[in-house]
Amino acid sequence: MTALNFDGRVVIVTGAGRGLGRAHALLLAAKGAQVVVADSGGGIDGGGTSHTPADAVAGEITDAGGRAVACHASVADERGAASIVEAALDAYGRVDAVVNNAGIHDPGLFEDLTADQFRAMLDVHYLGTVFVTKAAWPHLVESGSGRVVNTISEAMLGGIPELSSYGAAKGAVFGLTRNLATEGPKYGIGVNAIAPRALTRLSAAHSDKVAAVMSMTSEVMDQINASMPPELCAPAAAFLAHPSCLLNGEVLQIGMGAVSRIAVVCSRGFFKEGITAEDIAGNLDAIMDTRDPTLTTVTAPTM
């Protein structure tokens, strides 16, 4: 298998000062990419700022002989997001790929979460992805083989307690990924996403709730967490960001030594002209049967 090198390519990684973003940035740089390490350095709930995380990762890359610059803007601010792209252009003159990884975490029961908390999730996860990608888009077009890698989460599918705001925001990123993937191929742009399984500041703050829901002891949860370093997720981000990747509109679940596809399917269902509510109730087994489903696709692969 030919090595997936990034020589001459410029990649922006948001939320790159810690956790998953740091792992992505380090691997991409090791593969030859010129990296913009973007991170506002805030807390897990989005509060505060610090230059230290981004500067530290950029320094780690340059100390190892790679090329990286730090940017401390917030993706939730449209001008800040644009400045991240400008940092890439100022330093390297181009943008070839964007890895949208920046995120925050502020769990709570639905009845307790405020409107501001929901807005904050959308501002960072969804609009942050929109703002950075939109600023980078004309340069990805110019690249001719641009790549966008978004970060979603299994939380959008439910099943994890107190994540209605976070999961909904990640669901919005999934919808953006799928729809933007219909527009990218004519420019040679591929748009995909990863759903990482990793122990980070965000997930660690909520692991006790997950353990309780799944009836796990703290010892078992600790063992699971130990098997989930962020570095195991970086290969999927690197693969999707590489010009040789022809996937488009796909989601790769990655972590714990495994990678798989998350797909949306439609059951064969039930057909009848003039369907009534009673028809639905009477044929629910057929409607819900997902054997031999139809896979919902986005568009042709990126060329």
Protein backbone atom coordinates (compact mmCIF):
# COMPACT_ATOMS: atom_id res chain seq x y z
CA MET A 1 0.00 0.00 0.00
CA THR A 2 1.38 3.39 -1.01
CA ALA A 3 1.95 5.73 1.93
CA LEU A 4 -0.58 8.53 2.18
CA ASN A 5 1.76 11.51 2.21
CA PHE A 6 0.66 15.13 2.44
CA ASP A 7 3.77 16.78 1.03
CA GLY A 8 2.91 20.23 -0.31
CA ARG A 9 -0.62 20.15 1.10
CA VAL A 10 -1.99 22.56 3.70
CA VAL A 11 -4.46 21.31 6.29
CA ILE A 12 -6.43 23.30 8.86
CA VAL A 13 -7.35 21.45 12.04
CA THR A 14 -9.71 23.18 14.46
CA GLY A 15 -9.81 22.32 18.13
CA ALA A 16 -6.24 21.13 17.62
CA GLY A 17 -4.80 22.18 20.95
CA ARG A 18 -5.83 19.06 22.83
CA GLY A 19 -7.34 15.60 22.48
CA LEU A 20 -8.56 14.50 19.07
CA GLY A 21 -7.51 17.66 17.26
CA ARG A 22 -3.99 17.45 18.61
CA ALA A 23 -3.76 13.80 17.48
CA HIS A 24 -5.02 14.74 14.01
CA ALA A 25 -2.57 17.63 13.70
CA LEU A 26 0.43 15.58 14.83
CA LEU A 27 -0.30 12.72 12.44
CA LEU A 28 -0.96 15.01 9.48
CA ALA A 29 2.26 16.90 10.15
CA ALA A 30 4.19 13.64 10.46
CA LYS A 31 2.85 12.73 7.03
CA GLY A 32 4.20 15.96 5.56
CA ALA A 33 1.25 18.34 5.82
CA GLN A 34 1.69 22.00 6.61
CA VAL A 35 -0.75 22.41 9.47
CA VAL A 36 -2.71 25.30 10.92
CA VAL A 37 -3.28 24.43 14.58
CA ALA A 38 -6.46 26.34 15.41
CA ASP A 39 -7.68 26.42 19.00
CA SER A 40 -9.10 29.20 21.16
CA GLY A 41 -7.96 27.38 24.30
CA GLY A 42 -11.30 27.60 26.08
CA GLY A 43 -12.82 25.31 28.68
CA ILE A 44 -14.95 22.30 27.78
CA ASP A 45 -18.10 24.44 28.04
CA GLY A 46 -16.62 27.07 25.72
CA GLY A 47 -15.68 29.62 28.37
CA GLY A 48 -12.31 31.39 28.54
CA THR A 49 -9.42 31.57 26.12
CA SER A 50 -5.75 30.65 26.14
CA HIS A 51 -3.00 30.69 23.54
CA THR A 52 -1.11 27.90 25.28
CA PRO A 53 -2.77 24.77 23.79
CA ALA A 54 -2.43 25.80 20.14
CA ASP A 55 1.07 27.20 20.64
CA ALA A 56 2.17 24.00 22.39
CA VAL A 57 1.00 21.72 19.59
CA ALA A 58 2.44 23.94 16.87
CA GLY A 59 5.72 23.95 18.78
CA GLU A 60 5.62 20.19 19.15
CA ILE A 61 5.27 19.84 15.39
CA THR A 62 8.03 22.28 14.51
CA ASP A 63 10.37 20.78 17.12
CA ALA A 64 9.91 17.44 15.35
CA GLY A 65 10.89 19.00 12.02
CA GLY A 66 7.39 19.62 10.71
CA ARG A 67 5.65 22.81 9.66
CA ALA A 68 2.84 24.36 11.66
CA VAL A 69 1.42 27.70 12.72
CA ALA A 70 -0.97 28.40 15.57
CA CYS A 71 -4.19 30.38 15.39
CA HIS A 72 -6.21 31.29 18.46
CA ALA A 73 -9.50 32.45 16.94
CA SER A 74 -12.88 31.00 17.85
CA VAL A 75 -14.69 29.08 15.14
CA ALA A 76 -18.01 30.28 16.59
CA ASP A 77 -17.21 33.80 15.41
CA GLU A 78 -17.52 34.23 11.64
CA ARG A 79 -14.61 36.67 11.47
CA GLY A 80 -12.56 34.43 13.72
CA ALA A 81 -13.24 31.46 11.47
CA ALA A 82 -12.18 33.51 8.45
CA SER A 83 -8.96 34.47 10.23
CA ILE A 84 -8.09 30.78 10.62
CA VAL A 85 -8.20 30.40 6.85
CA GLU A 86 -6.26 33.65 6.45
CA ALA A 87 -3.57 32.24 8.76
CA ALA A 88 -3.16 29.32 6.36
CA LEU A 89 -2.95 31.62 3.35
CA ASP A 90 -0.49 33.96 5.05
CA ALA A 91 1.79 31.12 6.10
CA TYR A 92 1.51 28.73 3.17
CA GLY A 93 -0.48 30.40 0.38
CA ARG A 94 -3.15 27.72 0.00
CA VAL A 95 -5.67 25.45 1.72
CA ASP A 96 -6.16 21.83 0.66
CA ALA A 97 -8.15 20.32 3.52
CA VAL A 98 -10.09 21.29 6.62
CA VAL A 99 -10.62 19.04 9.61
CA ASN A 100 -13.49 20.54 11.62
CA ASN A 101 -12.90 19.18 15.10
CA ALA A 102 -13.57 22.09 17.49
CA GLY A 103 -16.25 21.34 20.03
CA ILE A 104 -17.59 21.97 23.51
CA HIS A 105 -19.47 19.88 26.04
CA ASP A 106 -22.11 21.02 28.51
CA PRO A 107 -24.40 18.09 29.35
CA GLY A 108 -27.65 18.31 31.26
CA LEU A 109 -31.19 17.05 31.42
CA PHE A 110 -33.41 18.48 28.69
CA GLU A 111 -35.67 20.19 31.21
CA ASP A 112 -32.69 21.89 32.83
CA LEU A 113 -30.82 23.08 29.74
CA THR A 114 -31.31 26.72 28.81
CA ALA A 115 -31.81 28.19 25.36
CA ASP A 116 -28.36 29.74 25.65
CA GLN A 117 -26.83 26.31 26.23
CA PHE A 118 -28.49 24.96 23.10
CA ARG A 119 -27.33 27.99 21.12
CA ALA A 120 -23.76 27.59 22.38
CA MET A 121 -23.67 24.00 21.11
CA LEU A 122 -24.94 25.06 17.70
CA ASP A 123 -22.59 28.05 17.58
CA VAL A 124 -19.46 25.94 18.07
CA HIS A 125 -20.26 22.54 16.58
CA TYR A 126 -22.56 23.47 13.70
CA LEU A 127 -21.96 27.13 12.84
CA GLY A 128 -18.25 26.77 13.61
CA THR A 129 -18.11 24.02 11.00
CA VAL A 130 -20.12 26.16 8.58
CA PHE A 131 -17.99 29.29 9.08
CA VAL A 132 -14.59 27.62 8.69
CA THR A 133 -15.68 25.52 5.72
CA LYS A 134 -17.33 28.48 3.99
CA ALA A 135 -14.21 30.63 4.39
CA ALA A 136 -12.05 27.78 3.08
CA TRP A 137 -14.38 26.70 0.27
CA PRO A 138 -13.04 28.89 -2.58
CA HIS A 139 -9.51 27.76 -1.74
CA LEU A 140 -10.58 24.12 -1.65
CA VAL A 141 -12.09 24.68 -5.09
CA GLU A 142 -8.78 26.18 -6.25
CA SER A 143 -6.93 23.18 -4.84
CA GLY A 144 -8.85 20.91 -7.20
CA SER A 145 -8.75 18.08 -4.68
CA GLY A 146 -10.01 19.76 -1.55
CA ARG A 147 -11.20 17.70 1.39
CA VAL A 148 -13.51 18.51 4.29
CA VAL A 149 -13.55 16.22 7.32
CA ASN A 150 -16.25 17.01 9.87
CA THR A 151 -16.61 15.58 13.36
CA ILE A 152 -19.92 14.13 14.41
CA SER A 153 -20.81 11.76 17.25
CA GLU A 154 -22.83 8.66 17.96
CA ALA A 155 -24.63 10.90 20.43
CA MET A 156 -26.70 12.20 17.52
CA LEU A 157 -28.31 8.75 17.41
CA GLY A 158 -29.34 8.91 21.06
CA GLY A 159 -28.73 6.42 23.83
CA ILE A 160 -26.37 8.56 25.92
CA PRO A 161 -27.88 10.49 28.82
CA GLU A 162 -28.06 14.28 29.09
CA LEU A 163 -26.78 14.99 25.57
CA SER A 164 -29.86 16.42 23.85
CA SER A 165 -28.07 19.70 23.09
CA TYR A 166 -24.74 18.13 22.10
CA GLY A 167 -26.29 15.28 20.11
CA ALA A 168 -28.62 17.62 18.25
CA ALA A 169 -25.73 19.90 17.29
CA LYS A 170 -23.75 16.93 16.00
CA GLY A 171 -26.82 15.82 14.07
CA ALA A 172 -26.81 19.22 12.39
CA VAL A 173 -23.17 18.67 11.38
CA PHE A 174 -24.15 15.29 9.93
CA GLY A 175 -26.87 16.94 7.86
CA LEU A 176 -24.42 19.58 6.66
CA THR A 177 -21.91 16.89 5.70
CA ARG A 178 -24.41 14.94 3.63
CA ASN A 179 -25.80 17.97 1.86
CA LEU A 180 -22.47 19.68 1.22
CA ALA A 181 -21.28 16.40 -0.29
CA THR A 182 -23.76 16.93 -3.12
CA GLU A 183 -22.03 20.19 -4.08
CA GLY A 184 -18.37 19.23 -3.74
CA PRO A 185 -17.70 16.66 -6.49
CA LYS A 186 -17.94 19.11 -9.39
CA TYR A 187 -14.97 20.90 -7.83
CA GLY A 188 -13.12 17.72 -6.88
CA ILE A 189 -14.02 18.28 -3.21
CA GLY A 190 -14.89 15.38 -0.93
CA VAL A 191 -16.91 16.00 2.24
CA ASN A 192 -17.01 13.27 4.87
CA ALA A 193 -17.14 12.87 8.64
CA ILE A 194 -15.74 10.82 11.46
CA ALA A 195 -17.54 9.65 14.57
CA PRO A 196 -14.68 9.18 17.03
CA ARG A 197 -14.63 6.93 20.07
CA ALA A 198 -11.97 8.48 22.27
CA LEU A 199 -11.26 9.53 25.82
CA THR A 200 -10.91 13.33 25.78
CA ARG A 201 -11.68 16.16 28.16
CA LEU A 202 -15.20 16.19 26.81
CA SER A 203 -15.95 12.49 27.12
CA ALA A 204 -14.12 12.08 30.43
CA ALA A 205 -16.40 14.66 32.03
CA HIS A 206 -19.40 12.49 31.18
CA SER A 207 -18.08 8.94 31.50
CA ASP A 208 -19.68 8.35 34.91
CA LYS A 209 -23.14 8.95 33.42
CA VAL A 210 -22.40 6.55 30.56
CA ALA A 211 -21.22 3.92 33.02
CA ALA A 212 -24.39 4.28 35.08
CA VAL A 213 -26.69 3.93 32.05
CA MET A 214 -24.82 0.85 30.84
CA SER A 215 -24.62 -0.61 34.36
CA MET A 216 -20.83 -0.64 34.34
CA THR A 217 -18.59 -0.50 37.37
CA SER A 218 -16.05 2.29 37.55
CA GLU A 219 -13.29 -0.29 37.07
CA VAL A 220 -14.81 -1.52 33.80
CA MET A 221 -15.30 2.05 32.59
CA ASP A 222 -11.67 2.82 33.40
CA GLN A 223 -10.58 -0.17 31.29
CA ILE A 224 -12.70 1.01 28.38
CA ASN A 225 -11.38 4.55 28.66
CA ALA A 226 -7.81 3.24 28.64
CA SER A 227 -8.53 1.57 25.28
CA MET A 228 -9.70 4.84 23.72
CA PRO A 229 -6.70 7.16 23.22
CA PRO A 230 -7.37 9.95 20.68
CA GLU A 231 -4.39 8.80 18.60
CA LEU A 232 -6.41 5.76 17.45
CA CYS A 233 -8.89 8.08 15.73
CA ALA A 234 -6.41 10.20 13.79
CA PRO A 235 -5.87 7.70 10.93
CA ALA A 236 -9.48 8.12 9.77
CA ALA A 237 -9.15 11.90 9.69
CA ALA A 238 -5.90 11.60 7.74
CA PHE A 239 -7.38 9.15 5.26
CA LEU A 240 -10.47 11.29 4.60
CA ALA A 241 -8.31 14.42 4.25
CA HIS A 242 -6.04 12.82 1.64
CA PRO A 243 -6.57 13.59 -2.07
CA SER A 244 -6.59 9.88 -2.91
CA CYS A 245 -9.73 9.33 -0.83
CA LEU A 246 -12.75 9.06 -3.14
CA LEU A 247 -15.39 8.68 -0.44
CA ASN A 248 -18.03 11.39 -0.32
CA GLY A 249 -20.85 11.96 2.13
CA GLU A 250 -19.72 9.09 4.34
CA VAL A 251 -19.20 8.70 8.08
CA LEU A 252 -16.44 6.52 9.51
CA GLN A 253 -16.79 5.44 13.11
CA ILE A 254 -13.26 5.16 14.46
CA GLY A 255 -11.56 4.26 17.72
CA MET A 256 -10.50 1.41 19.98
CA GLY A 257 -8.62 -0.20 17.09
CA ALA A 258 -11.68 -0.48 14.85
CA VAL A 259 -13.18 1.43 11.96
CA SER A 260 -16.65 0.97 10.47
CA ARG A 261 -19.23 2.75 8.36
CA ILE A 262 -22.26 4.53 9.79
CA ALA A 263 -24.99 4.53 7.17
CA VAL A 264 -28.62 5.57 6.89
CA VAL A 265 -30.97 2.90 5.59
CA CYS A 266 -34.64 2.81 4.62
CA SER A 267 -36.75 -0.30 5.20
CA ARG A 268 -38.76 -1.88 2.38
CA GLY A 269 -41.83 -0.75 4.26
CA PHE A 270 -45.48 -1.06 3.31
CA PHE A 271 -47.33 0.34 0.31
CA LYS A 272 -51.02 1.06 -0.18
CA GLU A 273 -52.86 3.85 -1.91
CA GLY A 274 -54.68 6.08 0.52
CA ILE A 275 -52.82 4.90 3.60
CA THR A 276 -54.58 5.51 6.89
CA ALA A 277 -53.26 5.71 10.43
CA GLU A 278 -54.88 2.33 11.01
CA ASP A 279 -52.98 0.85 8.05
CA ILE A 280 -49.73 2.01 9.63
CA ALA A 281 -50.68 0.50 12.97
CA GLY A 282 -51.67 -2.78 11.34
CA ASN A 283 -48.51 -3.10 9.26
CA LEU A 284 -45.96 -1.81 11.72
CA ASP A 285 -43.88 -5.01 11.65
CA ALA A 286 -43.29 -4.65 7.90
CA ILE A 287 -42.59 -0.94 8.22
CA MET A 288 -40.03 -1.45 10.96
CA ASP A 289 -38.34 -4.50 9.40
CA THR A 290 -34.84 -3.38 8.36
CA ARG A 291 -33.87 -6.64 6.68
CA ASP A 292 -32.87 -6.07 3.04
CA PRO A 293 -32.97 -2.27 3.37
CA THR A 294 -32.22 0.43 0.82
CA LEU A 295 -29.05 2.38 1.54
CA THR A 296 -29.49 6.11 1.24
CA THR A 297 -26.66 7.55 -0.85
CA VAL A 298 -25.52 11.10 -1.44
CA THR A 299 -23.83 11.37 -4.81
CA ALA A 300 -21.06 9.96 -6.94
CA PRO A 301 -17.56 9.56 -5.42
CA THR A 302 -15.23 12.52 -5.57
CA MET A 303 -12.91 12.39 -8.57
